[in-house]
Amino acid sequence: KGRFIISRNNAQNTLYLQMNSLKPEDTAVYYCASSARTYYIQNYDRK
């Protein structure tokens, strides 16, 4: 929070993640994911 910004361009079917002030602990493989349900979902942080 305060370092990363998530955004999307629905016209171009693209999701973004702007990562600023990166730290060594941010080292990882990053995956994008699409929700199973359409429109509103209850838990945005659940795999």
All heavy atoms as atom14 arrays in JSON, in Angstrom:
{
  "sequence": "KGRFIISRNNAQNTLYLQMNSLKPEDTAVYYCASSARTYYIQNYDRK",
  "atom14_mask": [
    [1, 1, 1, 1, 1, 1, 1, 1, 1, 0, 0, 0, 0, 0],
    [1, 1, 1, 1, 0, 0, 0, 0, 0, 0, 0, 0, 0, 0],
    [1, 1, 1, 1, 1, 1, 1, 1, 1, 1, 1, 0, 0, 0],
    [1, 1, 1, 1, 1, 1, 1, 1, 1, 1, 1, 0, 0, 0],
    [1, 1, 1, 1, 1, 1, 1, 1, 0, 0, 0, 0, 0, 0],
    [1, 1, 1, 1, 1, 1, 1, 1, 0, 0, 0, 0, 0, 0],
    [1, 1, 1, 1, 1, 1, 0, 0, 0, 0, 0, 0, 0, 0],
    [1, 1, 1, 1, 1, 1, 1, 1, 1, 1, 1, 0, 0, 0],
    [1, 1, 1, 1, 1, 1, 1, 1, 0, 0, 0, 0, 0, 0],
    [1, 1, 1, 1, 1, 1, 1, 1, 0, 0, 0, 0, 0, 0],
    [1, 1, 1, 1, 1, 0, 0, 0, 0, 0, 0, 0, 0, 0],
    [1, 1, 1, 1, 1, 1, 1, 1, 1, 0, 0, 0, 0, 0],
    [1, 1, 1, 1, 1, 1, 1, 1, 0, 0, 0, 0, 0, 0],
    [1, 1, 1, 1, 1, 1, 1, 0, 0, 0, 0, 0, 0, 0],
    [1, 1, 1, 1, 1, 1, 1, 1, 0, 0, 0, 0, 0, 0],
    [1, 1, 1, 1, 1, 1, 1, 1, 1, 1, 1, 1, 0, 0],
    [1, 1, 1, 1, 1, 1, 1, 1, 0, 0, 0, 0, 0, 0],
    [1, 1, 1, 1, 1, 1, 1, 1, 1, 0, 0, 0, 0, 0],
    [1, 1, 1, 1, 1, 1, 1, 1, 0, 0, 0, 0, 0, 0],
    [1, 1, 1, 1, 1, 1, 1, 1, 0, 0, 0, 0, 0, 0],
    [1, 1, 1, 1, 1, 1, 0, 0, 0, 0, 0, 0, 0, 0],
    [1, 1, 1, 1, 1, 1, 1, 1, 0, 0, 0, 0, 0, 0],
    [1, 1, 1, 1, 1, 1, 1, 1, 1, 0, 0, 0, 0, 0],
    [1, 1, 1, 1, 1, 1, 1, 0, 0, 0, 0, 0, 0, 0],
    [1, 1, 1, 1, 1, 1, 1, 1, 1, 0, 0, 0, 0, 0],
    [1, 1, 1, 1, 1, 1, 1, 1, 0, 0, 0, 0, 0, 0],
    [1, 1, 1, 1, 1, 1, 1, 0, 0, 0, 0, 0, 0, 0],
    [1, 1, 1, 1, 1, 0, 0, 0, 0, 0, 0, 0, 0, 0],
    [1, 1, 1, 1, 1, 1, 1, 0, 0, 0, 0, 0, 0, 0],
    [1, 1, 1, 1, 1, 1, 1, 1, 1, 1, 1, 1, 0, 0],
    [1, 1, 1, 1, 1, 1, 1, 1, 1, 1, 1, 1, 0, 0],
    [1, 1, 1, 1, 1, 1, 0, 0, 0, 0, 0, 0, 0, 0],
    [1, 1, 1, 1, 1, 0, 0, 0, 0, 0, 0, 0, 0, 0],
    [1, 1, 1, 1, 1, 1, 0, 0, 0, 0, 0, 0, 0, 0],
    [1, 1, 1, 1, 1, 1, 0, 0, 0, 0, 0, 0, 0, 0],
    [1, 1, 1, 1, 1, 0, 0, 0, 0, 0, 0, 0, 0, 0],
    [1, 1, 1, 1, 1, 1, 1, 1, 1, 1, 1, 0, 0, 0],
    [1, 1, 1, 1, 1, 1, 1, 0, 0, 0, 0, 0, 0, 0],
    [1, 1, 1, 1, 1, 1, 1, 1, 1, 1, 1, 1, 0, 0],
    [1, 1, 1, 1, 1, 1, 1, 1, 1, 1, 1, 1, 0, 0],
    [1, 1, 1, 1, 1, 1, 1, 1, 0, 0, 0, 0, 0, 0],
    [1, 1, 1, 1, 1, 1, 1, 1, 1, 0, 0, 0, 0, 0],
    [1, 1, 1, 1, 1, 1, 1, 1, 0, 0, 0, 0, 0, 0],
    [1, 1, 1, 1, 1, 1, 1, 1, 1, 1, 1, 1, 0, 0],
    [1, 1, 1, 1, 1, 1, 1, 1, 0, 0, 0, 0, 0, 0],
    [1, 1, 1, 1, 1, 1, 1, 1, 1, 1, 1, 0, 0, 0],
    [1, 1, 1, 1, 1, 1, 1, 1, 1, 0, 0, 0, 0, 0]
  ],
  "atom14_positions": [
    [[0.83, -1.21, 0.0], [0.0, 0.0, 0.0], [0.86, 1.25, 0.0], [1.83, 1.36, 0.76], [-0.92, -0.03, 1.22], [-2.16, 0.83, 1.1], [-3.1, 0.56, 2.27], [-3.65, -0.85, 2.25], [-4.64, -1.08, 3.33], [0.0, 0.0, 0.0], [0.0, 0.0, 0.0], [0.0, 0.0, 0.0], [0.0, 0.0, 0.0], [0.0, 0.0, 0.0]],
    [[0.54, 2.17, -0.9], [1.31, 3.41, -1.01], [2.49, 3.32, -1.96], [3.09, 4.35, -2.29], [0.0, 0.0, 0.0], [0.0, 0.0, 0.0], [0.0, 0.0, 0.0], [0.0, 0.0, 0.0], [0.0, 0.0, 0.0], [0.0, 0.0, 0.0], [0.0, 0.0, 0.0], [0.0, 0.0, 0.0], [0.0, 0.0, 0.0], [0.0, 0.0, 0.0]],
    [[2.84, 2.12, -2.39], [3.97, 1.92, -3.32], [3.52, 1.37, -4.66], [4.1, 1.7, -5.69], [5.0, 0.98, -2.7], [5.6, 1.47, -1.4], [6.74, 0.58, -0.93], [6.32, -0.8, -0.68], [6.83, -1.85, -1.3], [7.78, -1.71, -2.2], [6.41, -3.08, -1.0], [0.0, 0.0, 0.0], [0.0, 0.0, 0.0], [0.0, 0.0, 0.0]],
    [[2.52, 0.51, -4.66], [2.05, -0.14, -5.89], [0.7, 0.47, -6.29], [-0.1, 0.87, -5.44], [1.86, -1.64, -5.68], [3.13, -2.43, -5.52], [4.36, -1.81, -5.34], [3.1, -3.81, -5.56], [5.53, -2.54, -5.19], [4.24, -4.57, -5.41], [5.46, -3.94, -5.22], [0.0, 0.0, 0.0], [0.0, 0.0, 0.0], [0.0, 0.0, 0.0]],
    [[0.46, 0.49, -7.6], [-0.81, 0.96, -8.15], [-1.32, -0.04, -9.17], [-0.63, -0.32, -10.16], [-0.67, 2.34, -8.81], [-0.15, 3.37, -7.79], [-2.01, 2.79, -9.38], [0.21, 4.69, -8.41], [0.0, 0.0, 0.0], [0.0, 0.0, 0.0], [0.0, 0.0, 0.0], [0.0, 0.0, 0.0], [0.0, 0.0, 0.0], [0.0, 0.0, 0.0]],
    [[-2.52, -0.56, -8.94], [-3.15, -1.47, -9.9], [-4.11, -0.66, -10.76], [-4.81, 0.25, -10.26], [-3.87, -2.63, -9.18], [-4.38, -3.66, -10.2], [-5.0, -2.12, -8.3], [-4.91, -4.93, -9.55], [0.0, 0.0, 0.0], [0.0, 0.0, 0.0], [0.0, 0.0, 0.0], [0.0, 0.0, 0.0], [0.0, 0.0, 0.0], [0.0, 0.0, 0.0]],
    [[-4.15, -0.98, -12.04], [-5.06, -0.29, -12.95], [-5.42, -1.23, -14.1], [-4.8, -2.29, -14.25], [-4.44, 1.01, -13.48], [-3.28, 0.73, -14.24], [0.0, 0.0, 0.0], [0.0, 0.0, 0.0], [0.0, 0.0, 0.0], [0.0, 0.0, 0.0], [0.0, 0.0, 0.0], [0.0, 0.0, 0.0], [0.0, 0.0, 0.0], [0.0, 0.0, 0.0]],
    [[-6.4, -0.83, -14.89], [-6.81, -1.66, -16.02], [-7.29, -0.78, -17.15], [-7.8, 0.33, -16.93], [-7.91, -2.65, -15.6], [-9.21, -2.0, -15.18], [-10.16, -3.04, -14.54], [-10.51, -4.09, -15.47], [-11.02, -5.27, -15.08], [-11.2, -5.53, -13.79], [-11.32, -6.19, -15.98], [0.0, 0.0, 0.0], [0.0, 0.0, 0.0], [0.0, 0.0, 0.0]],
    [[-7.15, -1.31, -18.35], [-7.68, -0.67, -19.55], [-8.61, -1.68, -20.21], [-8.16, -2.61, -20.88], [-6.55, -0.27, -20.5], [-7.05, 0.49, -21.71], [-8.14, 0.26, -22.21], [-6.24, 1.41, -22.19], [0.0, 0.0, 0.0], [0.0, 0.0, 0.0], [0.0, 0.0, 0.0], [0.0, 0.0, 0.0], [0.0, 0.0, 0.0], [0.0, 0.0, 0.0]],
    [[-9.9, -1.52, -19.99], [-10.85, -2.5, -20.5], [-10.97, -2.47, -22.03], [-11.32, -3.47, -22.65], [-12.22, -2.29, -19.86], [-12.27, -2.81, -18.44], [-11.38, -3.56, -18.0], [-13.28, -2.41, -17.68], [0.0, 0.0, 0.0], [0.0, 0.0, 0.0], [0.0, 0.0, 0.0], [0.0, 0.0, 0.0], [0.0, 0.0, 0.0], [0.0, 0.0, 0.0]],
    [[-10.69, -1.35, -22.63], [-10.73, -1.27, -24.08], [-9.6, -2.09, -24.71], [-9.74, -2.58, -25.84], [-10.63, 0.18, -24.53], [0.0, 0.0, 0.0], [0.0, 0.0, 0.0], [0.0, 0.0, 0.0], [0.0, 0.0, 0.0], [0.0, 0.0, 0.0], [0.0, 0.0, 0.0], [0.0, 0.0, 0.0], [0.0, 0.0, 0.0], [0.0, 0.0, 0.0]],
    [[-8.5, -2.24, -23.97], [-7.35, -2.98, -24.48], [-7.16, -4.33, -23.77], [-6.16, -5.01, -24.0], [-6.08, -2.14, -24.34], [-6.11, -0.87, -25.19], [-4.79, -0.12, -25.17], [-3.9, -0.4, -24.36], [-4.67, 0.85, -26.06], [0.0, 0.0, 0.0], [0.0, 0.0, 0.0], [0.0, 0.0, 0.0], [0.0, 0.0, 0.0], [0.0, 0.0, 0.0]],
    [[-8.12, -4.71, -22.93], [-8.07, -6.0, -22.23], [-6.74, -6.21, -21.5], [-6.13, -7.29, -21.57], [-8.29, -7.16, -23.21], [-9.69, -7.17, -23.79], [-10.6, -6.53, -23.26], [-9.86, -7.86, -24.9], [0.0, 0.0, 0.0], [0.0, 0.0, 0.0], [0.0, 0.0, 0.0], [0.0, 0.0, 0.0], [0.0, 0.0, 0.0], [0.0, 0.0, 0.0]],
    [[-6.3, -5.18, -20.81], [-4.99, -5.23, -20.16], [-5.08, -4.76, -18.72], [-5.73, -3.76, -18.42], [-3.96, -4.39, -20.94], [-3.93, -4.82, -22.3], [-2.57, -4.56, -20.34], [0.0, 0.0, 0.0], [0.0, 0.0, 0.0], [0.0, 0.0, 0.0], [0.0, 0.0, 0.0], [0.0, 0.0, 0.0], [0.0, 0.0, 0.0], [0.0, 0.0, 0.0]],
    [[-4.38, -5.48, -17.87], [-4.24, -5.16, -16.46], [-2.8, -4.7, -16.21], [-1.89, -5.21, -16.84], [-4.54, -6.4, -15.61], [-4.34, -6.31, -14.11], [-5.46, -5.47, -13.49], [-4.32, -7.71, -13.5], [0.0, 0.0, 0.0], [0.0, 0.0, 0.0], [0.0, 0.0, 0.0], [0.0, 0.0, 0.0], [0.0, 0.0, 0.0], [0.0, 0.0, 0.0]],
    [[-2.63, -3.76, -15.29], [-1.3, -3.24, -14.99], [-1.02, -3.27, -13.49], [-1.94, -3.25, -12.68], [-1.17, -1.78, -15.47], [-1.4, -1.6, -16.94], [-2.64, -1.14, -17.41], [-0.41, -1.87, -17.87], [-2.86, -0.97, -18.77], [-0.63, -1.7, -19.22], [-1.86, -1.25, -19.66], [-2.08, -1.09, -21.01], [0.0, 0.0, 0.0], [0.0, 0.0, 0.0]],
    [[0.27, -3.29, -13.19], [0.71, -3.1, -11.81], [1.95, -2.21, -11.85], [3.01, -2.65, -12.29], [1.02, -4.42, -11.1], [1.38, -4.28, -9.63], [0.16, -3.82, -8.82], [1.91, -5.6, -9.06], [0.0, 0.0, 0.0], [0.0, 0.0, 0.0], [0.0, 0.0, 0.0], [0.0, 0.0, 0.0], [0.0, 0.0, 0.0], [0.0, 0.0, 0.0]],
    [[1.8, -0.97, -11.43], [2.92, -0.06, -11.32], [3.54, -0.24, -9.95], [2.87, -0.05, -8.93], [2.46, 1.39, -11.5], [3.55, 2.43, -11.34], [4.6, 2.35, -12.42], [4.29, 2.18, -13.6], [5.86, 2.46, -12.04], [0.0, 0.0, 0.0], [0.0, 0.0, 0.0], [0.0, 0.0, 0.0], [0.0, 0.0, 0.0], [0.0, 0.0, 0.0]],
    [[4.82, -0.62, -9.93], [5.5, -0.91, -8.67], [6.61, 0.13, -8.46], [7.54, 0.21, -9.27], [6.09, -2.32, -8.7], [5.05, -3.38, -9.0], [5.71, -5.06, -8.86], [6.89, -5.05, -10.19], [0.0, 0.0, 0.0], [0.0, 0.0, 0.0], [0.0, 0.0, 0.0], [0.0, 0.0, 0.0], [0.0, 0.0, 0.0], [0.0, 0.0, 0.0]],
    [[6.48, 0.92, -7.42], [7.45, 1.96, -7.09], [8.12, 1.67, -5.76], [7.61, 0.86, -4.97], [6.74, 3.32, -7.03], [6.04, 3.68, -8.33], [6.58, 3.46, -9.41], [4.84, 4.22, -8.22], [0.0, 0.0, 0.0], [0.0, 0.0, 0.0], [0.0, 0.0, 0.0], [0.0, 0.0, 0.0], [0.0, 0.0, 0.0], [0.0, 0.0, 0.0]],
    [[9.23, 2.33, -5.52], [9.96, 2.17, -4.25], [10.15, 0.7, -3.91], [9.88, 0.25, -2.79], [9.21, 2.88, -3.11], [9.05, 4.25, -3.41], [0.0, 0.0, 0.0], [0.0, 0.0, 0.0], [0.0, 0.0, 0.0], [0.0, 0.0, 0.0], [0.0, 0.0, 0.0], [0.0, 0.0, 0.0], [0.0, 0.0, 0.0], [0.0, 0.0, 0.0]],
    [[10.61, -0.04, -4.89], [10.73, -1.5, -4.72], [11.76, -1.85, -3.66], [12.78, -1.16, -3.49], [11.08, -2.15, -6.05], [9.89, -2.29, -7.01], [10.36, -2.49, -8.44], [8.99, -3.43, -6.57], [0.0, 0.0, 0.0], [0.0, 0.0, 0.0], [0.0, 0.0, 0.0], [0.0, 0.0, 0.0], [0.0, 0.0, 0.0], [0.0, 0.0, 0.0]],
    [[11.46, -2.93, -2.94], [12.31, -3.43, -1.88], [12.75, -4.86, -2.21], [12.05, -5.56, -2.94], [11.54, -3.45, -0.56], [10.94, -2.11, -0.16], [10.09, -2.27, 1.09], [9.45, -0.94, 1.5], [8.62, -1.09, 2.71], [0.0, 0.0, 0.0], [0.0, 0.0, 0.0], [0.0, 0.0, 0.0], [0.0, 0.0, 0.0], [0.0, 0.0, 0.0]],
    [[13.86, -5.31, -1.65], [14.28, -6.7, -1.91], [13.2, -7.72, -1.55], [13.08, -8.75, -2.22], [15.51, -6.84, -1.02], [16.08, -5.46, -0.94], [14.89, -4.55, -0.92], [0.0, 0.0, 0.0], [0.0, 0.0, 0.0], [0.0, 0.0, 0.0], [0.0, 0.0, 0.0], [0.0, 0.0, 0.0], [0.0, 0.0, 0.0], [0.0, 0.0, 0.0]],
    [[12.41, -7.41, -0.55], [11.34, -8.35, -0.16], [10.19, -8.4, -1.16], [9.29, -9.23, -1.02], [10.81, -8.02, 1.24], [10.42, -6.58, 1.44], [11.52, -5.77, 2.1], [12.7, -5.93, 1.72], [11.2, -4.95, 2.99], [0.0, 0.0, 0.0], [0.0, 0.0, 0.0], [0.0, 0.0, 0.0], [0.0, 0.0, 0.0], [0.0, 0.0, 0.0]],
    [[10.21, -7.54, -2.17], [9.21, -7.62, -3.25], [9.61, -8.66, -4.3], [8.83, -8.95, -5.22], [9.05, -6.27, -3.93], [8.44, -5.22, -3.01], [7.5, -5.56, -2.28], [8.92, -4.07, -3.04], [0.0, 0.0, 0.0], [0.0, 0.0, 0.0], [0.0, 0.0, 0.0], [0.0, 0.0, 0.0], [0.0, 0.0, 0.0], [0.0, 0.0, 0.0]],
    [[10.81, -9.21, -4.18], [11.27, -10.22, -5.13], [10.36, -11.44, -5.1], [10.12, -12.02, -4.04], [12.72, -10.64, -4.8], [13.58, -9.52, -4.99], [13.18, -11.78, -5.7], [0.0, 0.0, 0.0], [0.0, 0.0, 0.0], [0.0, 0.0, 0.0], [0.0, 0.0, 0.0], [0.0, 0.0, 0.0], [0.0, 0.0, 0.0], [0.0, 0.0, 0.0]],
    [[9.83, -11.81, -6.27], [8.88, -12.92, -6.36], [8.5, -13.1, -7.83], [8.82, -12.27, -8.68], [7.63, -12.65, -5.54], [0.0, 0.0, 0.0], [0.0, 0.0, 0.0], [0.0, 0.0, 0.0], [0.0, 0.0, 0.0], [0.0, 0.0, 0.0], [0.0, 0.0, 0.0], [0.0, 0.0, 0.0], [0.0, 0.0, 0.0], [0.0, 0.0, 0.0]],
    [[7.77, -14.18, -8.09], [7.09, -14.32, -9.37], [5.7, -13.71, -9.2], [4.98, -14.05, -8.25], [6.97, -15.79, -9.8], [6.2, -15.9, -11.1], [8.37, -16.41, -9.95], [0.0, 0.0, 0.0], [0.0, 0.0, 0.0], [0.0, 0.0, 0.0], [0.0, 0.0, 0.0], [0.0, 0.0, 0.0], [0.0, 0.0, 0.0], [0.0, 0.0, 0.0]],
    [[5.34, -12.82, -10.11], [4.06, -12.11, -10.03], [3.08, -12.71, -11.03], [3.42, -12.9, -12.21], [4.26, -10.63, -10.3], [4.85, -9.9, -9.11], [6.19, -10.09, -8.76], [4.07, -9.05, -8.34], [6.73, -9.45, -7.66], [4.61, -8.4, -7.23], [5.94, -8.61, -6.9], [6.46, -7.97, -5.8], [0.0, 0.0, 0.0], [0.0, 0.0, 0.0]],
    [[1.86, -12.99, -10.55], [0.82, -13.61, -11.36], [-0.41, -12.7, -11.42], [-0.82, -12.16, -10.39], [0.37, -14.94, -10.76], [1.46, -15.98, -10.67], [2.28, -16.07, -9.56], [1.64, -16.9, -11.7], [3.26, -17.04, -9.47], [2.63, -17.87, -11.63], [3.43, -17.93, -10.5], [4.41, -18.89, -10.43], [0.0, 0.0, 0.0], [0.0, 0.0, 0.0]],
    [[-1.0, -12.58, -12.6], [-2.3, -11.93, -12.68], [-3.38, -13.02, -12.67], [-3.12, -14.16, -13.05], [-2.43, -11.05, -13.91], [-2.34, -11.9, -15.5], [0.0, 0.0, 0.0], [0.0, 0.0, 0.0], [0.0, 0.0, 0.0], [0.0, 0.0, 0.0], [0.0, 0.0, 0.0], [0.0, 0.0, 0.0], [0.0, 0.0, 0.0], [0.0, 0.0, 0.0]],
    [[-4.56, -12.63, -12.21], [-5.65, -13.58, -12.08], [-6.97, -12.9, -12.39], [-7.15, -11.71, -12.11], [-5.68, -14.16, -10.67], [0.0, 0.0, 0.0], [0.0, 0.0, 0.0], [0.0, 0.0, 0.0], [0.0, 0.0, 0.0], [0.0, 0.0, 0.0], [0.0, 0.0, 0.0], [0.0, 0.0, 0.0], [0.0, 0.0, 0.0], [0.0, 0.0, 0.0]],
    [[-7.9, -13.68, -12.94], [-9.23, -13.19, -13.31], [-10.27, -13.85, -12.42], [-10.23, -15.07, -12.21], [-9.49, -13.52, -14.78], [-10.78, -13.1, -15.16], [0.0, 0.0, 0.0], [0.0, 0.0, 0.0], [0.0, 0.0, 0.0], [0.0, 0.0, 0.0], [0.0, 0.0, 0.0], [0.0, 0.0, 0.0], [0.0, 0.0, 0.0], [0.0, 0.0, 0.0]],
    [[-11.21, -13.08, -11.91], [-12.19, -13.62, -10.99], [-13.11, -14.62, -11.66], [-13.47, -14.48, -12.83], [-13.02, -12.49, -10.38], [-13.81, -11.85, -11.37], [0.0, 0.0, 0.0], [0.0, 0.0, 0.0], [0.0, 0.0, 0.0], [0.0, 0.0, 0.0], [0.0, 0.0, 0.0], [0.0, 0.0, 0.0], [0.0, 0.0, 0.0], [0.0, 0.0, 0.0]],
    [[-13.52, -15.63, -10.91], [-14.4, -16.66, -11.44], [-15.8, -16.1, -11.74], [-16.41, -16.43, -12.75], [-14.49, -17.82, -10.47], [0.0, 0.0, 0.0], [0.0, 0.0, 0.0], [0.0, 0.0, 0.0], [0.0, 0.0, 0.0], [0.0, 0.0, 0.0], [0.0, 0.0, 0.0], [0.0, 0.0, 0.0], [0.0, 0.0, 0.0], [0.0, 0.0, 0.0]],
    [[-16.3, -15.26, -10.84], [-17.61, -14.67, -11.03], [-17.48, -13.36, -11.79], [-16.46, -12.69, -11.75], [-18.28, -14.41, -9.67], [-18.58, -15.66, -8.88], [-19.32, -15.32, -7.62], [-20.62, -14.69, -7.9], [-21.47, -14.29, -6.97], [-21.16, -14.44, -5.69], [-22.62, -13.74, -7.28], [0.0, 0.0, 0.0], [0.0, 0.0, 0.0], [0.0, 0.0, 0.0]],
    [[-18.55, -13.0, -12.46], [-18.56, -11.7, -13.14], [-18.98, -10.61, -12.16], [-19.62, -10.87, -11.15], [-19.52, -11.71, -14.33], [-20.82, -12.11, -13.88], [-19.05, -12.68, -15.4], [0.0, 0.0, 0.0], [0.0, 0.0, 0.0], [0.0, 0.0, 0.0], [0.0, 0.0, 0.0], [0.0, 0.0, 0.0], [0.0, 0.0, 0.0], [0.0, 0.0, 0.0]],
    [[-18.58, -9.4, -12.5], [-18.92, -8.19, -11.76], [-18.48, -8.26, -10.31], [-17.31, -8.38, -10.04], [-20.41, -7.88, -11.95], [-20.74, -7.73, -13.4], [-21.52, -8.67, -14.09], [-20.21, -6.67, -14.15], [-21.76, -8.54, -15.46], [-20.44, -6.54, -15.51], [-21.22, -7.48, -16.15], [-21.46, -7.35, -17.5], [0.0, 0.0, 0.0], [0.0, 0.0, 0.0]],
    [[-19.38, -8.23, -9.35], [-18.96, -8.08, -7.96], [-18.58, -9.42, -7.34], [-19.28, -10.4, -7.49], [-20.06, -7.41, -7.15], [-20.36, -6.02, -7.64], [-21.47, -5.79, -8.44], [-19.52, -4.96, -7.36], [-21.74, -4.52, -8.93], [-19.78, -3.69, -7.85], [-20.89, -3.48, -8.63], [-21.15, -2.23, -9.11], [0.0, 0.0, 0.0], [0.0, 0.0, 0.0]],
    [[-17.45, -9.43, -6.6], [-17.07, -10.62, -5.86], [-16.9, -10.23, -4.4], [-16.73, -9.05, -4.08], [-15.78, -11.27, -6.41], [-14.55, -10.35, -6.21], [-15.95, -11.64, -7.87], [-13.26, -11.01, -6.65], [0.0, 0.0, 0.0], [0.0, 0.0, 0.0], [0.0, 0.0, 0.0], [0.0, 0.0, 0.0], [0.0, 0.0, 0.0], [0.0, 0.0, 0.0]],
    [[-16.95, -11.21, -3.52], [-16.98, -10.91, -2.09], [-15.59, -10.73, -1.5], [-15.37, -9.87, -0.66], [-17.72, -12.02, -1.35], [-17.99, -11.69, 0.11], [-18.96, -12.66, 0.74], [-19.4, -13.62, 0.11], [-19.31, -12.44, 1.99], [0.0, 0.0, 0.0], [0.0, 0.0, 0.0], [0.0, 0.0, 0.0], [0.0, 0.0, 0.0], [0.0, 0.0, 0.0]],
    [[-14.66, -11.54, -1.95], [-13.33, -11.53, -1.35], [-12.27, -11.34, -2.41], [-11.92, -12.27, -3.13], [-13.07, -12.84, -0.61], [-14.06, -13.05, 0.52], [-14.09, -12.29, 1.49], [-14.89, -14.06, 0.39], [0.0, 0.0, 0.0], [0.0, 0.0, 0.0], [0.0, 0.0, 0.0], [0.0, 0.0, 0.0], [0.0, 0.0, 0.0], [0.0, 0.0, 0.0]],
    [[-11.74, -10.15, -2.51], [-10.77, -9.86, -3.56], [-9.4, -10.45, -3.28], [-8.58, -10.56, -4.19], [-10.65, -8.35, -3.75], [-11.87, -7.76, -4.42], [-12.94, -7.3, -3.67], [-11.95, -7.69, -5.81], [-14.06, -6.78, -4.28], [-13.05, -7.16, -6.44], [-14.12, -6.71, -5.66], [-15.22, -6.19, -6.28], [0.0, 0.0, 0.0], [0.0, 0.0, 0.0]],
    [[-9.14, -10.84, -2.02], [-7.81, -11.3, -1.67], [-7.71, -12.82, -1.54], [-6.68, -13.34, -1.11], [-7.37, -10.65, -0.36], [-8.32, -10.95, 0.79], [-9.42, -11.48, 0.54], [-7.97, -10.63, 1.94], [0.0, 0.0, 0.0], [0.0, 0.0, 0.0], [0.0, 0.0, 0.0], [0.0, 0.0, 0.0], [0.0, 0.0, 0.0], [0.0, 0.0, 0.0]],
    [[-8.75, -13.54, -1.93], [-8.73, -15.0, -1.83], [-8.39, -15.64, -3.16], [-9.05, -15.39, -4.17], [-10.09, -15.51, -1.36], [-10.35, -15.36, 0.11], [-11.69, -15.96, 0.46], [-11.86, -17.29, -0.16], [-13.0, -17.96, -0.1], [-14.04, -17.44, 0.52], [-13.1, -19.13, -0.66], [0.0, 0.0, 0.0], [0.0, 0.0, 0.0], [0.0, 0.0, 0.0]],
    [[-7.4, -16.51, -3.18], [-7.02, -17.2, -4.42], [-8.18, -18.0, -4.99], [-8.33, -18.09, -6.22], [-5.83, -18.14, -4.16], [-4.55, -17.42, -3.79], [-3.37, -18.39, -3.76], [-3.47, -19.42, -2.67], [-3.37, -18.79, -1.33], [0.0, 0.0, 0.0], [0.0, 0.0, 0.0], [0.0, 0.0, 0.0], [0.0, 0.0, 0.0], [0.0, 0.0, 0.0]]
  ]
}
